[in-house]
Amino acid sequence: MIKHCQRLPLAIRVLGGLLTENYTVHYWKQVSENIGPHLHDNNSLNSILSLRFEELPGYLKHCFLYFAHFPEDYEIDIENLSYYWAADGILRYSDGETIQDVGESYIDELVRRSMVISERDNATSRFEKCCLHDLMRELCMSKAKEENFLSPSAHPQSLSVSQRFFTHDPYTLDVEREINNSKVRSLVVVQKVVLPNSWMFARNWKLSSIIFTRLQLLRILLVYKAEFEGRKLPDSIGKLIHLRYLNIEAAGFHIRAQCLDGDDRIECCNLEDLRGMARLKTLVIALRGEISLENLSASIGGLGRLENLTVDYYGAKGRQEWIILDFNNLRELSLSIKIMLSAQLQFPSRITRLSLEFCSLVEDPMPVLEKLSQLKFVTLGSHSFLGRRMVCSAGVFPQLQKLELFGLVELEEWIIDEGSMPVLHTLQIDGCKKLNKLPDGLQLITSLKKLTLRVMGNQWNERLSEGGEDYYKVQHIPSVSV
């Protein structure tokens, strides 16, 4: 089998990965025999790659084919990609699992099989971006065309079969001519980024609202830098009852299905336009100006299937009391807004991932958050908490796996009681410069595998070294990084 690799690193990695799945002689002989039928014109590399694709489980084949929608050398945002997969019915997840986690697990499988290139981010320990090797992309394009999976605007005739429409060149797009299939379920119109932040200078392109009256089966809608008539979100979008993923950045407003890079969050359109999207599962709203959270709740309260909600609101002049969001299916909640927390406050009870940033909380948030027994990931980001003391009580956060504390600039004391966070495996503390020592209770969390401290001051290297003042608290942790 070595001779088939022709000393090509990609072929060696792919074939090696295939062989490591089963170390029996019978399996290796089977692989060797199966390579033969895939040999074409003595091109062993293509044969190996084709065999690797054929050996993929069905769900991973569809995930891999999805990469054919993106241009060559395009860095794909994995969080966005996970939502595409989910909205298109490719990604399968059950109670307690988040779209982001399952999507990342699929990427992990493809990376281990050398089908996709990606590395875990040092700060988040997650796969953030990914791309394809040139030869793997050729395979992807070939297989996608075979299965009518691809619908680039350069080949409009394929739209009679495909239910997906992706283009990265909106300026040459003739919507009326090219999108003539009423069964299209995915409409994605973005622009390829050539240089960092070059998207900021991209010009707008006109999009007629008439198109949405034809595409009643849309499940995924992403349009970038579109300009609608009257700079208003078309009413016809609000009538797309099958929509599960909405991401619109347009002249005059910005509604997004999840956070994208950049800070040009413009004034939001009338939120009442969202009320008809009953099947929407993921929504990020970037607000500007003055709006009450009570009005926001009324506008999105009918989205009963919502699973992921992000609210970014930087225009508020004062704190607002957080309202109860009665979303039984909500799993992920991210808030960047000044709010008041009280003991009577209730978040949706089934949340597994919570992120707070710029909330400017004065009271310790833990008495409220510890009621959420299904939390697995918690991030208290920059200026989310302005108090000096924080306490994690005994027996709380029974399922919490990862805790991140970023930019809590006033935090001086953190107490962890015995029995708190019993399955925590990752703790990251970043920029909490007034924290004078680690909690004594940290030594009681035997499940902890990784501790990372960043921008905390030079004294922490000495404190956490063997013989240091805090060493006894962290000596049981396999990975400690300062």
Protein backbone atom coordinates (compact mmCIF):
# COMPACT_ATOMS: atom_id res chain seq x y z
CA MET A 1 0.00 0.00 0.00
CA ILE A 2 2.96 2.31 0.57
CA LYS A 3 3.69 2.43 -3.16
CA HIS A 4 0.21 3.83 -3.79
CA CYS A 5 1.11 6.90 -1.68
CA GLN A 6 3.87 7.97 -4.11
CA ARG A 7 5.68 9.75 -1.24
CA LEU A 8 2.86 12.29 -1.02
CA PRO A 9 2.23 13.49 2.58
CA LEU A 10 -1.53 13.88 2.10
CA ALA A 11 -1.86 10.34 0.72
CA ILE A 12 0.20 8.95 3.61
CA ARG A 13 -1.92 10.75 6.21
CA VAL A 14 -5.23 9.74 4.62
CA LEU A 15 -4.31 6.10 4.09
CA GLY A 16 -2.64 5.91 7.48
CA GLY A 17 -5.76 7.28 9.13
CA LEU A 18 -7.86 4.72 7.32
CA LEU A 19 -5.64 1.86 8.50
CA THR A 20 -5.61 3.00 12.14
CA GLU A 21 -9.36 2.47 12.38
CA ASN A 22 -8.79 -1.28 12.55
CA TYR A 23 -5.48 -3.03 13.22
CA THR A 24 -6.49 -6.49 11.98
CA VAL A 25 -4.73 -8.10 9.03
CA HIS A 26 -8.10 -8.91 7.48
CA TYR A 27 -9.12 -5.22 7.47
CA TRP A 28 -5.79 -4.07 6.01
CA LYS A 29 -6.06 -6.61 3.21
CA GLN A 30 -9.60 -5.42 2.56
CA VAL A 31 -8.40 -1.80 2.28
CA SER A 32 -5.62 -2.83 -0.09
CA GLU A 33 -8.07 -4.72 -2.30
CA ASN A 34 -10.56 -1.83 -2.28
CA ILE A 35 -7.98 0.67 -3.53
CA GLY A 36 -7.73 -1.23 -6.82
CA PRO A 37 -11.23 -0.44 -8.17
CA HIS A 38 -10.60 3.25 -7.46
CA LEU A 39 -7.42 3.44 -9.52
CA HIS A 40 -7.87 5.67 -12.57
CA ASP A 41 -5.05 6.45 -14.99
CA ASN A 42 -2.55 5.25 -12.38
CA ASN A 43 -3.49 8.16 -10.14
CA SER A 44 -3.06 6.47 -6.78
CA LEU A 45 -3.62 9.63 -4.77
CA ASN A 46 -7.09 10.22 -6.19
CA SER A 47 -7.83 6.56 -5.60
CA ILE A 48 -6.87 6.80 -1.94
CA LEU A 49 -8.87 10.00 -1.44
CA SER A 50 -11.92 8.50 -3.16
CA LEU A 51 -11.71 5.40 -1.00
CA ARG A 52 -11.47 7.57 2.11
CA PHE A 53 -14.63 9.41 1.07
CA GLU A 54 -16.51 6.17 0.38
CA GLU A 55 -15.56 4.88 3.84
CA LEU A 56 -17.12 7.91 5.57
CA PRO A 57 -20.37 7.40 7.52
CA GLY A 58 -23.37 8.83 5.67
CA TYR A 59 -23.74 11.90 7.87
CA LEU A 60 -20.07 12.83 7.43
CA LYS A 61 -20.33 12.46 3.65
CA HIS A 62 -23.02 15.16 3.58
CA CYS A 63 -20.97 17.36 5.92
CA PHE A 64 -17.92 17.00 3.68
CA LEU A 65 -19.89 17.74 0.50
CA TYR A 66 -21.08 21.00 2.06
CA PHE A 67 -17.54 22.38 1.71
CA ALA A 68 -18.06 22.47 -2.06
CA HIS A 69 -20.15 25.62 -1.57
CA PHE A 70 -17.12 27.66 -0.48
CA PRO A 71 -14.42 29.19 -2.73
CA GLU A 72 -10.88 27.89 -2.95
CA ASP A 73 -8.64 28.89 -0.02
CA TYR A 74 -11.68 30.15 1.88
CA GLU A 75 -11.44 30.07 5.70
CA ILE A 76 -14.76 28.73 6.90
CA ASP A 77 -16.19 29.77 10.25
CA ILE A 78 -17.05 26.49 12.00
CA GLU A 79 -19.77 27.96 14.20
CA ASN A 80 -21.59 29.32 11.14
CA LEU A 81 -21.06 26.04 9.32
CA SER A 82 -22.59 24.10 12.22
CA TYR A 83 -25.76 26.17 11.96
CA TYR A 84 -25.92 25.57 8.20
CA TRP A 85 -25.69 21.84 8.82
CA ALA A 86 -28.34 21.93 11.52
CA ALA A 87 -30.81 24.04 9.54
CA ASP A 88 -30.34 21.78 6.51
CA GLY A 89 -31.04 18.66 8.55
CA ILE A 90 -27.51 17.28 8.19
CA LEU A 91 -26.43 17.77 11.79
CA ARG A 92 -28.25 15.58 14.30
CA TYR A 93 -28.31 16.42 17.99
CA SER A 94 -30.33 15.36 21.02
CA ASP A 95 -31.40 16.88 24.33
CA GLY A 96 -28.49 18.34 26.26
CA GLU A 97 -26.33 18.74 23.15
CA THR A 98 -25.72 22.08 21.46
CA ILE A 99 -25.42 22.69 17.73
CA GLN A 100 -21.95 24.12 18.24
CA ASP A 101 -20.71 21.08 20.19
CA VAL A 102 -22.06 18.52 17.74
CA GLY A 103 -20.77 20.52 14.77
CA GLU A 104 -17.33 20.68 16.34
CA SER A 105 -17.39 16.92 16.94
CA TYR A 106 -18.09 16.40 13.22
CA ILE A 107 -15.16 18.66 12.32
CA ASP A 108 -12.99 16.71 14.76
CA GLU A 109 -13.89 13.46 12.97
CA LEU A 110 -13.08 14.97 9.57
CA VAL A 111 -9.78 16.38 10.85
CA ARG A 112 -8.76 13.01 12.28
CA ARG A 113 -9.50 11.47 8.89
CA SER A 114 -7.34 14.18 7.21
CA MET A 115 -10.34 15.32 5.16
CA VAL A 116 -10.36 18.85 6.61
CA ILE A 117 -7.61 21.17 7.86
CA SER A 118 -8.19 22.82 11.23
CA GLU A 119 -6.41 23.43 14.53
CA ARG A 120 -7.82 24.12 17.96
CA ASP A 121 -7.60 27.74 19.09
CA ASN A 122 -5.23 28.17 22.04
CA ALA A 123 -7.58 30.53 23.84
CA THR A 124 -10.87 28.65 23.40
CA SER A 125 -9.62 25.07 22.87
CA ARG A 126 -12.18 24.85 20.06
CA PHE A 127 -11.97 24.49 16.30
CA GLU A 128 -12.75 28.02 15.07
CA LYS A 129 -11.86 27.99 11.34
CA CYS A 130 -11.26 25.28 8.78
CA CYS A 131 -10.41 24.78 5.11
CA LEU A 132 -9.66 22.04 2.57
CA HIS A 133 -6.40 20.89 1.02
CA ASP A 134 -6.39 21.69 -2.73
CA LEU A 135 -6.58 18.02 -3.71
CA MET A 136 -9.25 17.29 -1.14
CA ARG A 137 -11.27 20.20 -2.50
CA GLU A 138 -11.02 18.73 -6.01
CA LEU A 139 -12.45 15.49 -4.64
CA CYS A 140 -15.18 17.40 -2.81
CA MET A 141 -16.19 19.33 -5.94
CA SER A 142 -16.24 16.18 -8.04
CA LYS A 143 -18.40 14.23 -5.58
CA ALA A 144 -20.73 17.18 -5.00
CA LYS A 145 -21.41 17.51 -8.74
CA GLU A 146 -22.02 13.78 -9.03
CA GLU A 147 -24.72 13.98 -6.35
CA ASN A 148 -26.23 17.32 -7.53
CA PHE A 149 -25.19 18.80 -4.21
CA LEU A 150 -23.61 21.89 -5.74
CA SER A 151 -25.40 24.96 -7.08
CA PRO A 152 -22.89 27.72 -7.88
CA SER A 153 -24.31 30.71 -9.70
CA ALA A 154 -21.97 29.89 -12.58
CA HIS A 155 -24.06 26.78 -13.24
CA PRO A 156 -27.67 27.92 -12.90
CA GLN A 157 -28.94 24.87 -14.74
CA SER A 158 -28.07 22.75 -11.70
CA LEU A 159 -30.67 24.60 -9.67
CA SER A 160 -33.42 22.55 -11.22
CA VAL A 161 -32.13 19.68 -9.09
CA SER A 162 -30.24 21.24 -6.18
CA GLN A 163 -32.08 22.79 -3.26
CA ARG A 164 -29.13 24.95 -2.20
CA PHE A 165 -27.89 28.20 -3.71
CA PHE A 166 -24.53 29.64 -2.62
CA THR A 167 -22.64 32.47 -4.29
CA HIS A 168 -19.66 34.58 -3.27
CA ASP A 169 -20.05 37.18 -6.02
CA PRO A 170 -23.33 39.08 -5.46
CA TYR A 171 -22.44 41.82 -7.95
CA THR A 172 -22.83 39.49 -10.93
CA LEU A 173 -25.86 37.72 -9.52
CA ASP A 174 -29.05 37.90 -11.58
CA VAL A 175 -31.58 36.81 -8.97
CA GLU A 176 -34.58 36.59 -11.29
CA ARG A 177 -32.74 34.43 -13.82
CA GLU A 178 -30.58 32.25 -11.62
CA ILE A 179 -32.83 31.49 -8.66
CA ASN A 180 -35.84 30.05 -10.41
CA ASN A 181 -36.39 26.92 -8.36
CA SER A 182 -39.18 27.41 -5.82
CA LYS A 183 -37.89 24.41 -3.86
CA VAL A 184 -34.62 26.09 -2.88
CA ARG A 185 -34.09 25.61 0.85
CA SER A 186 -30.77 27.44 1.29
CA LEU A 187 -29.94 30.91 -0.03
CA VAL A 188 -26.48 32.13 0.95
CA VAL A 189 -25.04 35.25 -0.68
CA VAL A 190 -21.78 36.52 0.81
CA GLN A 191 -18.49 37.94 -0.42
CA LYS A 192 -15.13 36.26 -0.39
CA VAL A 193 -12.75 38.06 1.97
CA VAL A 194 -9.39 38.58 0.27
CA LEU A 195 -7.70 40.70 2.95
CA PRO A 196 -8.40 40.97 6.69
CA ASN A 197 -11.30 43.36 7.35
CA SER A 198 -11.72 44.01 3.61
CA TRP A 199 -15.39 43.11 4.02
CA MET A 200 -15.82 46.44 5.83
CA PHE A 201 -15.26 48.29 2.56
CA ALA A 202 -17.43 46.10 0.35
CA ARG A 203 -20.16 47.97 -1.46
CA ASN A 204 -23.85 47.17 -1.17
CA TRP A 205 -25.79 45.29 -3.83
CA LYS A 206 -29.52 45.51 -4.55
CA LEU A 207 -31.83 42.62 -3.73
CA SER A 208 -35.50 42.62 -4.63
CA SER A 209 -37.92 41.44 -1.96
CA ILE A 210 -39.98 39.68 -4.64
CA ILE A 211 -37.60 36.74 -4.54
CA PHE A 212 -38.76 35.76 -1.05
CA THR A 213 -42.38 35.38 -2.14
CA ARG A 214 -41.18 32.57 -4.44
CA LEU A 215 -38.90 30.82 -1.97
CA GLN A 216 -41.46 29.75 0.60
CA LEU A 217 -39.49 26.62 1.57
CA LEU A 218 -36.36 28.50 2.65
CA ARG A 219 -34.72 27.10 5.78
CA ILE A 220 -31.41 28.99 5.54
CA LEU A 221 -31.16 32.67 4.57
CA LEU A 222 -27.87 34.55 4.68
CA VAL A 223 -27.34 37.71 2.65
CA TYR A 224 -24.44 40.09 3.16
CA LYS A 225 -24.36 43.78 2.27
CA ALA A 226 -27.77 43.58 0.60
CA GLU A 227 -29.77 46.74 -0.02
CA PHE A 228 -33.56 46.36 0.15
CA GLU A 229 -36.17 48.84 -1.03
CA GLY A 230 -36.66 51.59 1.52
CA ARG A 231 -33.81 50.17 3.63
CA LYS A 232 -36.42 48.04 5.41
CA LEU A 233 -36.60 44.34 6.06
CA PRO A 234 -39.12 42.98 3.53
CA ASP A 235 -42.42 41.78 5.00
CA SER A 236 -42.07 38.65 2.85
CA ILE A 237 -39.13 37.48 4.99
CA GLY A 238 -41.38 37.42 8.03
CA LYS A 239 -43.64 34.97 6.20
CA LEU A 240 -40.93 32.36 5.68
CA ILE A 241 -42.42 29.94 8.18
CA HIS A 242 -39.86 27.18 7.54
CA LEU A 243 -36.87 29.43 8.24
CA ARG A 244 -34.45 28.00 10.80
CA TYR A 245 -31.37 30.14 10.19
CA LEU A 246 -31.53 33.88 9.56
CA ASN A 247 -28.45 36.01 8.98
CA ILE A 248 -28.98 39.36 7.28
CA GLU A 249 -26.53 42.22 7.17
CA ALA A 250 -27.94 44.96 5.02
CA ALA A 251 -27.91 48.68 4.48
CA GLY A 252 -29.81 50.23 7.38
CA PHE A 253 -30.07 47.28 9.73
CA HIS A 254 -28.40 44.12 10.88
CA ILE A 255 -30.03 40.88 12.05
CA ARG A 256 -27.80 37.90 12.47
CA ALA A 257 -28.20 34.24 13.24
CA GLN A 258 -25.00 34.28 15.24
CA CYS A 259 -22.05 36.59 15.79
CA LEU A 260 -19.86 37.36 12.81
CA ASP A 261 -16.50 39.10 12.93
CA GLY A 262 -16.71 42.85 12.86
CA ASP A 263 -18.26 45.73 14.72
CA ASP A 264 -20.43 47.53 12.18
CA ARG A 265 -23.66 46.62 13.94
CA ILE A 266 -26.09 49.06 12.47
CA GLU A 267 -29.52 50.11 13.64
CA CYS A 268 -31.91 47.17 13.79
CA CYS A 269 -35.09 47.03 11.78
CA ASN A 270 -38.57 46.65 13.26
CA LEU A 271 -38.38 43.53 15.42
CA GLU A 272 -42.05 42.83 14.84
CA ASP A 273 -41.00 41.47 11.44
CA LEU A 274 -39.59 38.43 13.24
CA ARG A 275 -42.85 37.28 14.81
CA GLY A 276 -43.89 35.03 11.95
CA MET A 277 -40.68 33.01 11.94
CA ALA A 278 -42.00 30.39 14.33
CA ARG A 279 -39.48 27.72 13.30
CA LEU A 280 -36.40 29.88 13.77
CA LYS A 281 -33.90 28.07 15.98
CA THR A 282 -30.98 30.51 16.13
CA LEU A 283 -31.15 34.29 16.42
CA VAL A 284 -28.64 37.01 17.19
CA ILE A 285 -29.92 40.55 17.47
CA ALA A 286 -27.55 43.52 17.49
CA LEU A 287 -29.45 46.51 18.82
CA ARG A 288 -28.69 50.22 18.71
CA GLY A 289 -30.56 53.16 20.14
CA GLU A 290 -33.21 52.96 22.85
CA ILE A 291 -35.41 49.90 23.19
CA SER A 292 -36.82 48.24 26.30
CA LEU A 293 -36.19 44.59 27.02
CA GLU A 294 -39.92 44.27 27.60
CA ASN A 295 -40.55 45.27 23.97
CA LEU A 296 -37.81 42.94 22.81
CA SER A 297 -39.41 40.06 24.69
CA ALA A 298 -42.79 40.80 23.11
CA SER A 299 -41.26 40.83 19.62
CA ILE A 300 -39.50 37.48 19.87
CA GLY A 301 -41.75 35.77 22.40
CA GLY A 302 -43.50 33.75 19.71
CA LEU A 303 -40.30 32.02 18.60
CA GLY A 304 -41.09 28.91 20.60
CA ARG A 305 -38.52 26.70 18.87
CA LEU A 306 -35.62 29.05 19.51
CA GLU A 307 -32.59 27.16 20.80
CA ASN A 308 -29.82 29.77 20.53
CA LEU A 309 -30.27 33.46 21.35
CA THR A 310 -27.73 36.27 21.44
CA VAL A 311 -28.63 39.84 22.36
CA ASP A 312 -25.98 42.54 21.83
CA TYR A 313 -27.22 45.92 23.03
CA TYR A 314 -24.63 48.65 23.45
CA GLY A 315 -26.97 51.63 23.24
CA ALA A 316 -28.61 51.30 26.65
CA LYS A 317 -27.94 54.31 28.87
CA GLY A 318 -28.94 52.59 32.12
CA ARG A 319 -29.48 49.12 33.51
CA GLN A 320 -32.68 47.32 32.67
CA GLU A 321 -34.28 44.53 34.64
CA TRP A 322 -33.91 41.30 32.73
CA ILE A 323 -37.22 39.82 31.70
CA ILE A 324 -38.13 36.13 31.79
CA LEU A 325 -37.70 34.50 28.42
CA ASP A 326 -40.20 31.65 28.26
CA PHE A 327 -38.32 29.56 25.71
CA ASN A 328 -38.59 25.93 26.74
CA ASN A 329 -36.17 24.81 24.02
CA LEU A 330 -33.48 27.45 24.60
CA ARG A 331 -30.05 25.86 25.08
CA GLU A 332 -27.60 28.71 24.47
CA LEU A 333 -27.94 32.29 25.69
CA SER A 334 -25.44 35.10 25.19
CA LEU A 335 -26.05 38.61 26.54
CA SER A 336 -24.04 41.79 26.01
CA ILE A 337 -26.26 44.30 27.75
CA LYS A 338 -26.45 46.23 31.02
CA ILE A 339 -28.98 44.43 33.18
CA MET A 340 -30.05 44.06 36.79
CA LEU A 341 -30.12 40.60 38.35
CA SER A 342 -32.36 39.78 41.30
CA ALA A 343 -32.93 36.63 43.32
CA GLN A 344 -36.32 36.27 41.62
CA LEU A 345 -34.77 36.27 38.15
CA GLN A 346 -35.32 33.16 36.05
CA PHE A 347 -33.47 32.06 32.96
CA PRO A 348 -34.85 29.21 30.82
CA SER A 349 -34.11 26.13 32.93
CA ARG A 350 -32.68 23.94 30.14
CA ILE A 351 -29.82 26.25 29.16
CA THR A 352 -26.53 24.40 28.75
CA ARG A 353 -24.35 27.31 27.58
CA LEU A 354 -24.43 30.85 28.99
CA SER A 355 -22.27 33.84 28.12
CA LEU A 356 -22.51 37.26 29.78
CA GLU A 357 -20.52 40.31 28.69
CA PHE A 358 -20.72 44.04 29.47
CA CYS A 359 -23.67 43.37 31.77
CA SER A 360 -22.08 45.53 34.51
CA LEU A 361 -23.59 43.39 37.27
CA VAL A 362 -23.03 44.73 40.76
CA GLU A 363 -24.37 41.76 42.73
CA ASP A 364 -22.73 38.33 42.66
CA PRO A 365 -24.40 36.49 39.72
CA MET A 366 -23.71 33.00 41.13
CA PRO A 367 -26.87 32.74 43.33
CA VAL A 368 -28.92 33.22 40.16
CA LEU A 369 -26.80 31.11 37.81
CA GLU A 370 -26.47 28.17 40.19
CA LYS A 371 -30.21 27.50 39.75
CA LEU A 372 -29.46 26.39 36.18
CA SER A 373 -28.55 22.78 36.91
CA GLN A 374 -27.99 21.82 33.25
CA LEU A 375 -25.28 24.39 32.57
CA LYS A 376 -22.18 22.86 30.96
CA PHE A 377 -20.34 25.96 29.71
CA VAL A 378 -20.30 29.38 31.39
CA THR A 379 -18.43 32.50 30.29
CA LEU A 380 -18.39 35.64 32.42
CA GLY A 381 -16.78 38.04 29.97
CA SER A 382 -15.43 41.56 30.08
CA HIS A 383 -17.24 43.80 32.57
CA SER A 384 -20.01 41.27 33.07
CA PHE A 385 -19.51 41.49 36.86
CA LEU A 386 -18.18 44.59 38.64
CA GLY A 387 -18.27 43.25 42.20
CA ARG A 388 -15.33 42.31 44.41
CA ARG A 389 -16.49 38.95 45.78
CA MET A 390 -17.93 35.85 44.11
CA VAL A 391 -19.05 32.59 45.77
CA CYS A 392 -19.76 29.17 44.24
CA SER A 393 -21.79 27.34 46.89
CA ALA A 394 -21.66 23.65 47.79
CA GLY A 395 -23.47 21.28 45.44
CA VAL A 396 -24.07 23.77 42.62
CA PHE A 397 -23.30 23.46 38.90
CA PRO A 398 -23.47 19.63 38.88
CA GLN A 399 -22.88 19.41 35.09
CA LEU A 400 -20.54 22.37 34.53
CA GLN A 401 -17.56 21.32 32.39
CA LYS A 402 -15.94 24.61 31.44
CA LEU A 403 -15.80 27.98 33.20
CA GLU A 404 -14.24 31.11 31.72
CA LEU A 405 -13.68 34.36 33.63
CA PHE A 406 -12.53 37.20 31.36
CA GLY A 407 -11.93 40.82 32.29
CA LEU A 408 -13.59 40.84 35.73
CA VAL A 409 -11.49 43.86 36.60
CA GLU A 410 -12.82 44.41 40.15
CA LEU A 411 -12.86 40.79 41.34
CA GLU A 412 -10.65 40.38 44.42
CA GLU A 413 -11.99 37.28 46.17
CA TRP A 414 -13.43 34.05 44.77
CA ILE A 415 -14.69 31.29 47.05
CA ILE A 416 -15.44 27.72 45.97
CA ASP A 417 -17.25 25.59 48.56
CA GLU A 418 -16.73 21.84 48.79
CA GLY A 419 -18.91 19.93 46.32
CA SER A 420 -19.22 22.82 43.88
CA MET A 421 -18.64 22.11 40.16
CA PRO A 422 -17.84 18.38 40.65
CA VAL A 423 -17.20 17.61 36.94
CA LEU A 424 -15.41 20.82 35.89
CA HIS A 425 -12.52 19.96 33.56
CA THR A 426 -11.42 23.35 32.14
CA LEU A 427 -10.96 26.67 33.92
CA GLN A 428 -9.65 29.81 32.24
CA ILE A 429 -9.02 33.10 34.06
CA ASP A 430 -7.98 36.04 31.93
CA GLY A 431 -7.41 39.68 32.87
CA CYS A 432 -8.77 39.46 36.44
CA LYS A 433 -5.80 41.44 37.73
CA LYS A 434 -7.17 42.21 41.21
CA LEU A 435 -7.74 38.56 42.10
CA ASN A 436 -5.13 38.10 44.82
CA LYS A 437 -5.26 34.31 45.18
CA LEU A 438 -6.92 31.22 43.76
CA PRO A 439 -9.81 29.71 45.75
CA ASP A 440 -8.82 27.06 48.32
CA GLY A 441 -11.73 24.97 47.04
CA LEU A 442 -9.96 24.54 43.73
CA GLN A 443 -7.96 21.66 45.21
CA LEU A 444 -11.23 19.80 45.87
CA ILE A 445 -12.24 19.74 42.19
CA THR A 446 -10.45 16.51 41.29
CA SER A 447 -11.99 16.44 37.81
CA LEU A 448 -10.07 19.55 36.72
CA LYS A 449 -7.73 18.78 33.81
CA LYS A 450 -6.71 22.20 32.51
CA LEU A 451 -6.11 25.57 34.17
CA THR A 452 -5.09 28.63 32.16
CA LEU A 453 -4.24 32.07 33.55
CA ARG A 454 -3.53 34.99 31.21
CA VAL A 455 -2.79 38.69 31.76
CA MET A 456 -2.89 38.21 35.51
CA GLY A 457 0.47 39.66 36.57
CA ASN A 458 3.99 38.25 36.84
CA GLN A 459 3.54 37.04 40.43
CA TRP A 460 1.43 34.09 39.33
CA ASN A 461 4.37 32.21 37.80
CA GLU A 462 5.98 32.09 41.23
CA ARG A 463 2.76 31.42 43.15
CA LEU A 464 1.87 28.36 41.04
CA SER A 465 5.38 26.91 40.78
CA GLU A 466 6.35 23.99 43.03
CA GLY A 467 6.76 25.37 46.53
CA GLY A 468 4.77 28.48 45.66
CA GLU A 469 1.96 29.89 47.78
CA ASP A 470 -0.85 28.48 45.61
CA TYR A 471 0.90 25.33 44.37
CA TYR A 472 -1.03 22.98 46.69
CA LYS A 473 -4.27 24.15 45.07
CA VAL A 474 -3.23 23.20 41.53
CA GLN A 475 -0.74 20.32 41.90
CA HIS A 476 -3.44 17.77 40.97
CA ILE A 477 -4.19 19.49 37.64
CA PRO A 478 -2.39 17.83 34.66
CA SER A 479 -2.13 21.03 32.59
CA VAL A 480 -1.44 24.42 34.20
CA SER A 481 -0.56 27.33 31.91
CA VAL A 482 0.38 30.84 33.04
